[in-house]
């Protein structure tokens, strides 16, 4: 049998060789199939409406708040003249750190147990998942009432940052756990099999192979949890209080930016300052999200 050698001048396979459907061909396909065109129209309109609503909310906050930003709002001491938001900014960062320090390890380790050790057929796994989904649907005011009755009254901590952080930790724990669980499930099973084939044990495989591969999904859940902590008001009013100062310890009372904005708007005397506080809160949330995304990208590399 004579086998012809492969020519060295044969062009290599490139991405350009892949046949892609042009926009005109897709449009003709939608005309031939009206239902597909209708679904495409619905999806496009939904995306445009969502984007338009987002732009409207951001634009409304900026237009109402930016003209009222001034240096007096960033003084360290709060008084009835400057209604400074600086203590609230510091309290917000403290609350975020405390809540994530409590709920982060608990949620991540719980998800690791459910995915890697318990198994999907375990009855305990089904109960825990059902409980987590139930907790994620409870209104925040219910969490606030629970935190007030248990942490503030029963334990006797009073209105404190610790009571607020523990209440928020219970709120965001299902979110962190479920997102971590989905991130671990998305890691290919071949990673685990390859690690076992090389002689690695279960614990080493989980923490050296599986967990690093799931870090982007885990950080996405932490970002969502951070946004909920920063925007929470009802639960903190019943647990952390609304004192406009930086507490000396975690057992002291203090207000976050969201609570500060609510109090100013509710009083009706500093509505413009409340709008300016909304701008700062928006910028702070976007900044934290950007930093978290940058850290996630760097970890993945």
C-alpha atoms as a PDB file:
ATOM      1  CA  UNK A   1       0.000   0.000   0.000  1.00  0.00           C
ATOM      2  CA  UNK A   2       1.379   3.387  -1.001  1.00  0.00           C
ATOM      3  CA  UNK A   3       0.729   6.034   1.575  1.00  0.00           C
ATOM      4  CA  UNK A   4       1.213   9.584   0.430  1.00  0.00           C
ATOM      5  CA  UNK A   5       3.075  11.717   2.931  1.00  0.00           C
ATOM      6  CA  UNK A   6       1.273  14.633   4.428  1.00  0.00           C
ATOM      7  CA  UNK A   7       2.329  17.824   2.743  1.00  0.00           C
ATOM      8  CA  UNK A   8       4.203  20.224   4.972  1.00  0.00           C
ATOM      9  CA  UNK A   9       2.535  23.082   3.121  1.00  0.00           C
ATOM     10  CA  UNK A  10      -0.935  22.085   4.318  1.00  0.00           C
ATOM     11  CA  UNK A  11      -2.524  25.060   6.056  1.00  0.00           C
ATOM     12  CA  UNK A  12      -2.998  24.585   9.795  1.00  0.00           C
ATOM     13  CA  UNK A  13      -6.431  24.576  11.318  1.00  0.00           C
ATOM     14  CA  UNK A  14      -7.413  27.992  12.563  1.00  0.00           C
ATOM     15  CA  UNK A  15     -10.417  29.492  14.226  1.00  0.00           C
ATOM     16  CA  UNK A  16     -11.245  31.247  10.942  1.00  0.00           C
ATOM     17  CA  UNK A  17     -11.954  27.857   9.350  1.00  0.00           C
ATOM     18  CA  UNK A  18     -14.972  27.409  11.617  1.00  0.00           C
ATOM     19  CA  UNK A  19     -18.133  28.289   9.748  1.00  0.00           C
ATOM     20  CA  UNK A  20     -20.159  30.913  11.587  1.00  0.00           C
ATOM     21  CA  UNK A  21     -23.683  31.982  10.790  1.00  0.00           C
ATOM     22  CA  UNK A  22     -23.957  35.594   9.744  1.00  0.00           C
ATOM     23  CA  UNK A  23     -26.526  38.009  11.119  1.00  0.00           C
ATOM     24  CA  UNK A  24     -28.339  38.021   7.766  1.00  0.00           C
ATOM     25  CA  UNK A  25     -28.664  34.223   7.781  1.00  0.00           C
ATOM     26  CA  UNK A  26     -29.999  34.286  11.352  1.00  0.00           C
ATOM     27  CA  UNK A  27     -32.511  36.967  10.363  1.00  0.00           C
ATOM     28  CA  UNK A  28     -33.719  34.858   7.430  1.00  0.00           C
ATOM     29  CA  UNK A  29     -34.010  31.892   9.778  1.00  0.00           C
ATOM     30  CA  UNK A  30     -36.179  33.928  12.134  1.00  0.00           C
ATOM     31  CA  UNK A  31     -38.419  34.906   9.216  1.00  0.00           C
ATOM     32  CA  UNK A  32     -38.831  31.262   8.195  1.00  0.00           C
ATOM     33  CA  UNK A  33     -39.575  30.247  11.799  1.00  0.00           C
ATOM     34  CA  UNK A  34     -41.821  32.944  13.354  1.00  0.00           C
ATOM     35  CA  UNK A  35     -41.774  31.346  16.828  1.00  0.00           C
ATOM     36  CA  UNK A  36     -37.981  31.573  16.998  1.00  0.00           C
ATOM     37  CA  UNK A  37     -38.175  35.198  15.912  1.00  0.00           C
ATOM     38  CA  UNK A  38     -40.780  35.932  18.572  1.00  0.00           C
ATOM     39  CA  UNK A  39     -38.654  34.339  21.289  1.00  0.00           C
ATOM     40  CA  UNK A  40     -35.609  36.265  20.059  1.00  0.00           C
ATOM     41  CA  UNK A  41     -37.620  39.491  20.202  1.00  0.00           C
ATOM     42  CA  UNK A  42     -38.834  38.754  23.747  1.00  0.00           C
ATOM     43  CA  UNK A  43     -35.325  37.986  24.972  1.00  0.00           C
ATOM     44  CA  UNK A  44     -33.905  41.118  23.340  1.00  0.00           C
ATOM     45  CA  UNK A  45     -36.637  43.354  24.759  1.00  0.00           C
ATOM     46  CA  UNK A  46     -36.153  41.850  28.238  1.00  0.00           C
ATOM     47  CA  UNK A  47     -32.408  42.507  28.086  1.00  0.00           C
ATOM     48  CA  UNK A  48     -32.915  46.090  26.899  1.00  0.00           C
ATOM     49  CA  UNK A  49     -35.544  46.783  29.580  1.00  0.00           C
ATOM     50  CA  UNK A  50     -33.265  45.397  32.310  1.00  0.00           C
ATOM     51  CA  UNK A  51     -30.346  47.490  31.088  1.00  0.00           C
ATOM     52  CA  UNK A  52     -32.556  50.589  30.804  1.00  0.00           C
ATOM     53  CA  UNK A  53     -33.908  50.149  34.347  1.00  0.00           C
ATOM     54  CA  UNK A  54     -30.372  49.776  35.680  1.00  0.00           C
ATOM     55  CA  UNK A  55     -29.233  52.922  33.898  1.00  0.00           C
ATOM     56  CA  UNK A  56     -32.301  54.810  35.137  1.00  0.00           C
ATOM     57  CA  UNK A  57     -31.698  53.841  38.773  1.00  0.00           C
ATOM     58  CA  UNK A  58     -28.006  54.726  38.641  1.00  0.00           C
ATOM     59  CA  UNK A  59     -28.710  57.982  36.797  1.00  0.00           C
ATOM     60  CA  UNK A  60     -31.483  58.953  39.208  1.00  0.00           C
ATOM     61  CA  UNK A  61     -29.256  58.360  42.238  1.00  0.00           C
ATOM     62  CA  UNK A  62     -26.377  60.312  40.719  1.00  0.00           C
ATOM     63  CA  UNK A  63     -28.528  63.251  39.594  1.00  0.00           C
ATOM     64  CA  UNK A  64     -30.242  63.534  42.979  1.00  0.00           C
ATOM     65  CA  UNK A  65     -27.166  62.955  45.132  1.00  0.00           C
ATOM     66  CA  UNK A  66     -24.031  64.289  43.427  1.00  0.00           C
ATOM     67  CA  UNK A  67     -24.983  68.021  43.706  1.00  0.00           C
ATOM     68  CA  UNK A  68     -25.309  67.647  47.492  1.00  0.00           C
ATOM     69  CA  UNK A  69     -21.933  66.037  48.126  1.00  0.00           C
ATOM     70  CA  UNK A  70     -19.601  68.235  50.166  1.00  0.00           C
ATOM     71  CA  UNK A  71     -16.670  67.864  52.531  1.00  0.00           C
ATOM     72  CA  UNK A  72     -18.796  68.285  55.656  1.00  0.00           C
ATOM     73  CA  UNK A  73     -20.443  64.941  54.924  1.00  0.00           C
ATOM     74  CA  UNK A  74     -17.066  63.228  55.334  1.00  0.00           C
ATOM     75  CA  UNK A  75     -16.045  64.674  58.683  1.00  0.00           C
ATOM     76  CA  UNK A  76     -15.199  62.109  61.318  1.00  0.00           C
ATOM     77  CA  UNK A  77     -17.566  63.492  63.961  1.00  0.00           C
ATOM     78  CA  UNK A  78     -21.310  63.375  63.361  1.00  0.00           C
ATOM     79  CA  UNK A  79     -23.553  66.198  64.548  1.00  0.00           C
ATOM     80  CA  UNK A  80     -26.911  67.685  63.580  1.00  0.00           C
ATOM     81  CA  UNK A  81     -25.191  70.330  61.444  1.00  0.00           C
ATOM     82  CA  UNK A  82     -23.031  68.239  59.116  1.00  0.00           C
ATOM     83  CA  UNK A  83     -24.839  64.842  59.452  1.00  0.00           C
ATOM     84  CA  UNK A  84     -21.523  63.238  58.487  1.00  0.00           C
ATOM     85  CA  UNK A  85     -21.592  59.786  56.919  1.00  0.00           C
ATOM     86  CA  UNK A  86     -17.979  58.917  57.762  1.00  0.00           C
ATOM     87  CA  UNK A  87     -18.883  56.953  60.940  1.00  0.00           C
ATOM     88  CA  UNK A  88     -21.471  55.063  58.900  1.00  0.00           C
ATOM     89  CA  UNK A  89     -18.878  54.222  56.219  1.00  0.00           C
ATOM     90  CA  UNK A  90     -16.499  52.821  58.839  1.00  0.00           C
ATOM     91  CA  UNK A  91     -19.317  50.887  60.505  1.00  0.00           C
ATOM     92  CA  UNK A  92     -20.348  49.452  57.127  1.00  0.00           C
ATOM     93  CA  UNK A  93     -16.864  48.115  56.458  1.00  0.00           C
ATOM     94  CA  UNK A  94     -16.688  46.674  59.981  1.00  0.00           C
ATOM     95  CA  UNK A  95     -20.069  45.008  59.541  1.00  0.00           C
ATOM     96  CA  UNK A  96     -19.068  43.494  56.194  1.00  0.00           C
ATOM     97  CA  UNK A  97     -15.822  42.085  57.613  1.00  0.00           C
ATOM     98  CA  UNK A  98     -17.508  40.633  60.708  1.00  0.00           C
ATOM     99  CA  UNK A  99     -20.375  39.069  58.766  1.00  0.00           C
ATOM    100  CA  UNK A 100     -18.072  37.495  56.163  1.00  0.00           C
ATOM    101  CA  UNK A 101     -15.632  36.218  58.801  1.00  0.00           C
ATOM    102  CA  UNK A 102     -18.496  34.378  60.479  1.00  0.00           C
ATOM    103  CA  UNK A 103     -20.531  33.161  57.496  1.00  0.00           C
ATOM    104  CA  UNK A 104     -17.701  32.649  54.993  1.00  0.00           C
ATOM    105  CA  UNK A 105     -15.894  29.690  56.621  1.00  0.00           C
ATOM    106  CA  UNK A 106     -19.163  28.140  57.803  1.00  0.00           C
ATOM    107  CA  UNK A 107     -20.762  28.327  54.354  1.00  0.00           C
ATOM    108  CA  UNK A 108     -17.683  27.123  52.452  1.00  0.00           C
ATOM    109  CA  UNK A 109     -16.915  24.201  54.772  1.00  0.00           C
ATOM    110  CA  UNK A 110     -20.578  23.185  54.856  1.00  0.00           C
ATOM    111  CA  UNK A 111     -20.669  23.133  51.054  1.00  0.00           C
ATOM    112  CA  UNK A 112     -17.467  21.068  50.938  1.00  0.00           C
ATOM    113  CA  UNK A 113     -19.016  18.496  53.247  1.00  0.00           C
ATOM    114  CA  UNK A 114     -22.258  18.336  51.284  1.00  0.00           C
ATOM    115  CA  UNK A 115     -20.565  17.929  47.890  1.00  0.00           C
ATOM    116  CA  UNK A 116     -17.398  15.984  48.623  1.00  0.00           C
ATOM    117  CA  UNK A 117     -18.197  13.860  51.663  1.00  0.00           C
ATOM    118  CA  UNK A 118     -21.933  13.417  52.273  1.00  0.00           C
ATOM    119  CA  UNK A 119     -23.033  12.360  48.796  1.00  0.00           C
ATOM    120  CA  UNK A 120     -26.162  13.361  46.917  1.00  0.00           C
ATOM    121  CA  UNK A 121     -28.218  10.390  48.170  1.00  0.00           C
ATOM    122  CA  UNK A 122     -27.704  11.275  51.815  1.00  0.00           C
ATOM    123  CA  UNK A 123     -30.912  12.271  53.589  1.00  0.00           C
ATOM    124  CA  UNK A 124     -29.009  14.868  55.630  1.00  0.00           C
ATOM    125  CA  UNK A 125     -27.959  16.618  52.419  1.00  0.00           C
ATOM    126  CA  UNK A 126     -31.565  16.916  51.268  1.00  0.00           C
ATOM    127  CA  UNK A 127     -32.645  18.323  54.632  1.00  0.00           C
ATOM    128  CA  UNK A 128     -29.811  20.870  54.712  1.00  0.00           C
ATOM    129  CA  UNK A 129     -30.488  22.027  51.143  1.00  0.00           C
ATOM    130  CA  UNK A 130     -34.197  22.389  51.797  1.00  0.00           C
ATOM    131  CA  UNK A 131     -33.465  24.338  54.986  1.00  0.00           C
ATOM    132  CA  UNK A 132     -31.017  26.625  53.182  1.00  0.00           C
ATOM    133  CA  UNK A 133     -33.511  27.349  50.412  1.00  0.00           C
ATOM    134  CA  UNK A 134     -36.172  28.094  53.026  1.00  0.00           C
ATOM    135  CA  UNK A 135     -33.895  30.454  54.932  1.00  0.00           C
ATOM    136  CA  UNK A 136     -32.966  32.320  51.762  1.00  0.00           C
ATOM    137  CA  UNK A 137     -36.636  33.205  51.189  1.00  0.00           C
ATOM    138  CA  UNK A 138     -37.358  34.609  54.660  1.00  0.00           C
ATOM    139  CA  UNK A 139     -37.799  38.429  54.738  1.00  0.00           C
ATOM    140  CA  UNK A 140     -35.039  40.405  56.413  1.00  0.00           C
ATOM    141  CA  UNK A 141     -37.443  41.887  58.977  1.00  0.00           C
ATOM    142  CA  UNK A 142     -37.987  38.371  60.371  1.00  0.00           C
ATOM    143  CA  UNK A 143     -34.225  37.965  60.770  1.00  0.00           C
ATOM    144  CA  UNK A 144     -34.160  41.318  62.529  1.00  0.00           C
ATOM    145  CA  UNK A 145     -36.860  40.276  64.983  1.00  0.00           C
ATOM    146  CA  UNK A 146     -35.050  37.001  65.658  1.00  0.00           C
ATOM    147  CA  UNK A 147     -31.751  38.805  66.208  1.00  0.00           C
ATOM    148  CA  UNK A 148     -33.381  41.285  68.577  1.00  0.00           C
ATOM    149  CA  UNK A 149     -35.125  38.583  70.628  1.00  0.00           C
ATOM    150  CA  UNK A 150     -32.126  36.246  70.779  1.00  0.00           C
ATOM    151  CA  UNK A 151     -28.904  38.280  70.587  1.00  0.00           C
ATOM    152  CA  UNK A 152     -30.131  41.598  71.982  1.00  0.00           C
ATOM    153  CA  UNK A 153     -32.593  40.458  74.670  1.00  0.00           C
ATOM    154  CA  UNK A 154     -31.914  36.819  75.571  1.00  0.00           C
ATOM    155  CA  UNK A 155     -28.115  36.859  75.470  1.00  0.00           C
ATOM    156  CA  UNK A 156     -28.056  40.448  76.700  1.00  0.00           C
ATOM    157  CA  UNK A 157     -25.696  42.043  74.194  1.00  0.00           C
ATOM    158  CA  UNK A 158     -28.040  44.961  73.586  1.00  0.00           C
ATOM    159  CA  UNK A 159     -27.884  46.916  70.343  1.00  0.00           C
ATOM    160  CA  UNK A 160     -24.390  46.073  69.165  1.00  0.00           C
ATOM    161  CA  UNK A 161     -22.313  45.510  66.052  1.00  0.00           C
ATOM    162  CA  UNK A 162     -21.790  41.878  67.061  1.00  0.00           C
ATOM    163  CA  UNK A 163     -25.533  41.232  67.267  1.00  0.00           C
ATOM    164  CA  UNK A 164     -26.005  42.809  63.852  1.00  0.00           C
ATOM    165  CA  UNK A 165     -23.093  40.862  62.331  1.00  0.00           C
ATOM    166  CA  UNK A 166     -24.377  37.526  63.654  1.00  0.00           C
ATOM    167  CA  UNK A 167     -27.875  38.282  62.345  1.00  0.00           C
ATOM    168  CA  UNK A 168     -26.522  39.167  58.914  1.00  0.00           C
ATOM    169  CA  UNK A 169     -24.331  36.046  58.974  1.00  0.00           C
ATOM    170  CA  UNK A 170     -27.428  33.899  59.380  1.00  0.00           C
ATOM    171  CA  UNK A 171     -29.031  35.804  56.496  1.00  0.00           C
ATOM    172  CA  UNK A 172     -26.190  35.352  54.005  1.00  0.00           C
ATOM    173  CA  UNK A 173     -25.126  31.860  55.108  1.00  0.00           C
ATOM    174  CA  UNK A 174     -27.531  30.082  52.688  1.00  0.00           C
ATOM    175  CA  UNK A 175     -26.315  32.281  49.833  1.00  0.00           C
ATOM    176  CA  UNK A 176     -22.638  31.561  50.493  1.00  0.00           C
ATOM    177  CA  UNK A 177     -23.303  27.856  50.997  1.00  0.00           C
ATOM    178  CA  UNK A 178     -25.397  27.375  47.859  1.00  0.00           C
ATOM    179  CA  UNK A 179     -23.060  29.328  45.562  1.00  0.00           C
ATOM    180  CA  UNK A 180     -20.055  27.445  46.933  1.00  0.00           C
ATOM    181  CA  UNK A 181     -21.873  24.162  46.446  1.00  0.00           C
ATOM    182  CA  UNK A 182     -22.640  24.972  42.805  1.00  0.00           C
ATOM    183  CA  UNK A 183     -19.040  26.087  42.252  1.00  0.00           C
ATOM    184  CA  UNK A 184     -17.707  22.796  43.638  1.00  0.00           C
ATOM    185  CA  UNK A 185     -20.133  20.761  41.526  1.00  0.00           C
ATOM    186  CA  UNK A 186     -18.985  22.623  38.383  1.00  0.00           C
ATOM    187  CA  UNK A 187     -15.387  21.404  38.857  1.00  0.00           C
ATOM    188  CA  UNK A 188     -14.892  18.477  36.395  1.00  0.00           C
ATOM    189  CA  UNK A 189     -14.814  15.023  37.952  1.00  0.00           C
ATOM    190  CA  UNK A 190     -11.661  14.302  35.929  1.00  0.00           C
ATOM    191  CA  UNK A 191      -9.728  16.662  38.225  1.00  0.00           C
ATOM    192  CA  UNK A 192     -10.594  14.485  41.214  1.00  0.00           C
ATOM    193  CA  UNK A 193      -9.885  11.245  39.361  1.00  0.00           C
ATOM    194  CA  UNK A 194      -6.514  12.507  38.173  1.00  0.00           C
ATOM    195  CA  UNK A 195      -5.566  13.534  41.693  1.00  0.00           C
ATOM    196  CA  UNK A 196      -6.574  10.144  43.101  1.00  0.00           C
ATOM    197  CA  UNK A 197      -4.648   8.389  40.350  1.00  0.00           C
ATOM    198  CA  UNK A 198      -1.495  10.240  41.363  1.00  0.00           C
ATOM    199  CA  UNK A 199      -1.882   9.015  44.940  1.00  0.00           C
ATOM    200  CA  UNK A 200      -3.400  12.087  46.605  1.00  0.00           C
ATOM    201  CA  UNK A 201      -5.864  11.561  49.422  1.00  0.00           C
ATOM    202  CA  UNK A 202      -9.380  12.939  49.769  1.00  0.00           C
ATOM    203  CA  UNK A 203      -8.451  15.940  51.895  1.00  0.00           C
ATOM    204  CA  UNK A 204      -5.507  16.930  49.700  1.00  0.00           C
ATOM    205  CA  UNK A 205      -7.605  16.582  46.552  1.00  0.00           C
ATOM    206  CA  UNK A 206     -10.356  18.798  47.958  1.00  0.00           C
ATOM    207  CA  UNK A 207      -8.112  21.608  49.175  1.00  0.00           C
ATOM    208  CA  UNK A 208      -5.389  21.506  46.507  1.00  0.00           C
ATOM    209  CA  UNK A 209      -7.357  20.572  43.378  1.00  0.00           C
ATOM    210  CA  UNK A 210     -11.101  21.087  43.736  1.00  0.00           C
ATOM    211  CA  UNK A 211     -11.261  24.205  45.914  1.00  0.00           C
ATOM    212  CA  UNK A 212      -8.849  26.309  43.761  1.00  0.00           C
ATOM    213  CA  UNK A 213     -10.898  25.426  40.686  1.00  0.00           C
ATOM    214  CA  UNK A 214     -14.066  26.620  42.402  1.00  0.00           C
ATOM    215  CA  UNK A 215     -12.662  29.931  43.667  1.00  0.00           C
ATOM    216  CA  UNK A 216     -14.323  32.124  40.975  1.00  0.00           C
ATOM    217  CA  UNK A 217     -17.768  30.792  41.868  1.00  0.00           C
ATOM    218  CA  UNK A 218     -17.091  31.088  45.582  1.00  0.00           C
ATOM    219  CA  UNK A 219     -15.983  34.703  45.221  1.00  0.00           C
ATOM    220  CA  UNK A 220     -19.088  35.456  43.172  1.00  0.00           C
ATOM    221  CA  UNK A 221     -21.214  34.283  46.093  1.00  0.00           C
ATOM    222  CA  UNK A 222     -19.170  36.334  48.535  1.00  0.00           C
ATOM    223  CA  UNK A 223     -19.633  39.416  46.338  1.00  0.00           C
ATOM    224  CA  UNK A 224     -23.408  38.896  46.355  1.00  0.00           C
ATOM    225  CA  UNK A 225     -23.337  38.422  50.123  1.00  0.00           C
ATOM    226  CA  UNK A 226     -21.301  41.612  50.527  1.00  0.00           C
ATOM    227  CA  UNK A 227     -23.852  43.581  48.532  1.00  0.00           C
ATOM    228  CA  UNK A 228     -26.677  42.271  50.698  1.00  0.00           C
ATOM    229  CA  UNK A 229     -24.826  43.159  53.908  1.00  0.00           C
ATOM    230  CA  UNK A 230     -24.116  46.679  52.711  1.00  0.00           C
ATOM    231  CA  UNK A 231     -27.698  47.288  51.612  1.00  0.00           C
ATOM    232  CA  UNK A 232     -29.450  45.763  54.626  1.00  0.00           C
ATOM    233  CA  UNK A 233     -31.516  48.075  56.821  1.00  0.00           C
ATOM    234  CA  UNK A 234     -34.413  46.331  58.565  1.00  0.00           C
ATOM    235  CA  UNK A 235     -32.359  43.629  60.294  1.00  0.00           C
ATOM    236  CA  UNK A 236     -29.766  46.122  61.553  1.00  0.00           C
ATOM    237  CA  UNK A 237     -32.299  48.556  62.981  1.00  0.00           C
ATOM    238  CA  UNK A 238     -33.398  45.848  65.436  1.00  0.00           C
ATOM    239  CA  UNK A 239     -29.923  44.534  66.265  1.00  0.00           C
ATOM    240  CA  UNK A 240     -27.093  47.022  65.661  1.00  0.00           C
ATOM    241  CA  UNK A 241     -29.108  50.172  66.386  1.00  0.00           C
ATOM    242  CA  UNK A 242     -28.736  53.571  64.791  1.00  0.00           C
ATOM    243  CA  UNK A 243     -26.119  55.405  66.867  1.00  0.00           C
ATOM    244  CA  UNK A 244     -24.199  57.766  64.553  1.00  0.00           C
ATOM    245  CA  UNK A 245     -20.711  57.025  65.810  1.00  0.00           C
ATOM    246  CA  UNK A 246     -17.954  54.438  65.533  1.00  0.00           C
ATOM    247  CA  UNK A 247     -18.287  52.093  68.533  1.00  0.00           C
ATOM    248  CA  UNK A 248     -15.347  51.423  70.811  1.00  0.00           C
ATOM    249  CA  UNK A 249     -15.897  47.660  70.551  1.00  0.00           C
ATOM    250  CA  UNK A 250     -18.062  45.130  68.739  1.00  0.00           C
ATOM    251  CA  UNK A 251     -20.504  45.316  71.655  1.00  0.00           C
ATOM    252  CA  UNK A 252     -21.192  48.980  70.902  1.00  0.00           C
ATOM    253  CA  UNK A 253     -24.035  50.271  68.758  1.00  0.00           C
ATOM    254  CA  UNK A 254     -23.526  51.871  65.348  1.00  0.00           C
ATOM    255  CA  UNK A 255     -25.317  52.549  62.085  1.00  0.00           C
ATOM    256  CA  UNK A 256     -24.269  51.500  58.609  1.00  0.00           C
ATOM    257  CA  UNK A 257     -24.632  53.563  55.438  1.00  0.00           C
ATOM    258  CA  UNK A 258     -27.979  52.016  54.549  1.00  0.00           C
ATOM    259  CA  UNK A 259     -29.348  52.681  58.046  1.00  0.00           C
ATOM    260  CA  UNK A 260     -27.868  56.197  57.973  1.00  0.00           C
ATOM    261  CA  UNK A 261     -29.624  56.941  54.677  1.00  0.00           C
ATOM    262  CA  UNK A 262     -32.910  55.519  55.995  1.00  0.00           C
ATOM    263  CA  UNK A 263     -32.772  57.572  59.183  1.00  0.00           C
ATOM    264  CA  UNK A 264     -32.025  60.820  57.330  1.00  0.00           C
ATOM    265  CA  UNK A 265     -34.793  60.237  54.799  1.00  0.00           C
ATOM    266  CA  UNK A 266     -37.254  59.177  57.502  1.00  0.00           C
ATOM    267  CA  UNK A 267     -36.650  62.303  59.556  1.00  0.00           C
ATOM    268  CA  UNK A 268     -37.436  64.494  56.536  1.00  0.00           C
ATOM    269  CA  UNK A 269     -34.919  67.165  57.574  1.00  0.00           C
ATOM    270  CA  UNK A 270     -31.911  65.984  55.559  1.00  0.00           C
ATOM    271  CA  UNK A 271     -33.363  64.440  52.402  1.00  0.00           C
ATOM    272  CA  UNK A 272     -30.614  65.903  50.208  1.00  0.00           C
ATOM    273  CA  UNK A 273     -27.932  64.442  52.453  1.00  0.00           C
ATOM    274  CA  UNK A 274     -29.716  61.100  52.260  1.00  0.00           C
ATOM    275  CA  UNK A 275     -29.492  61.261  48.462  1.00  0.00           C
ATOM    276  CA  UNK A 276     -25.777  62.024  48.722  1.00  0.00           C
ATOM    277  CA  UNK A 277     -25.380  59.039  51.031  1.00  0.00           C
ATOM    278  CA  UNK A 278     -27.009  56.878  48.365  1.00  0.00           C
ATOM    279  CA  UNK A 279     -24.339  57.956  45.876  1.00  0.00           C
ATOM    280  CA  UNK A 280     -21.549  57.025  48.287  1.00  0.00           C
ATOM    281  CA  UNK A 281     -23.187  53.677  49.015  1.00  0.00           C
ATOM    282  CA  UNK A 282     -23.498  52.952  45.285  1.00  0.00           C
ATOM    283  CA  UNK A 283     -19.862  53.860  44.643  1.00  0.00           C
ATOM    284  CA  UNK A 284     -18.718  51.779  47.617  1.00  0.00           C
ATOM    285  CA  UNK A 285     -20.622  48.713  46.412  1.00  0.00           C
ATOM    286  CA  UNK A 286     -19.232  49.086  42.875  1.00  0.00           C
ATOM    287  CA  UNK A 287     -15.715  49.546  44.243  1.00  0.00           C
ATOM    288  CA  UNK A 288     -15.908  46.418  46.393  1.00  0.00           C
ATOM    289  CA  UNK A 289     -17.316  44.416  43.478  1.00  0.00           C
ATOM    290  CA  UNK A 290     -14.513  45.636  41.210  1.00  0.00           C
ATOM    291  CA  UNK A 291     -11.832  44.787  43.766  1.00  0.00           C
ATOM    292  CA  UNK A 292     -13.340  41.336  44.340  1.00  0.00           C
ATOM    293  CA  UNK A 293     -13.462  40.655  40.600  1.00  0.00           C
ATOM    294  CA  UNK A 294      -9.834  41.773  40.224  1.00  0.00           C
ATOM    295  CA  UNK A 295      -8.749  39.497  43.074  1.00  0.00           C
ATOM    296  CA  UNK A 296     -10.675  36.570  41.581  1.00  0.00           C
ATOM    297  CA  UNK A 297      -9.058  37.106  38.187  1.00  0.00           C
ATOM    298  CA  UNK A 298      -5.609  37.249  39.741  1.00  0.00           C
ATOM    299  CA  UNK A 299      -6.211  34.069  41.747  1.00  0.00           C
ATOM    300  CA  UNK A 300      -7.410  32.234  38.645  1.00  0.00           C
ATOM    301  CA  UNK A 301      -4.253  33.196  36.747  1.00  0.00           C
END
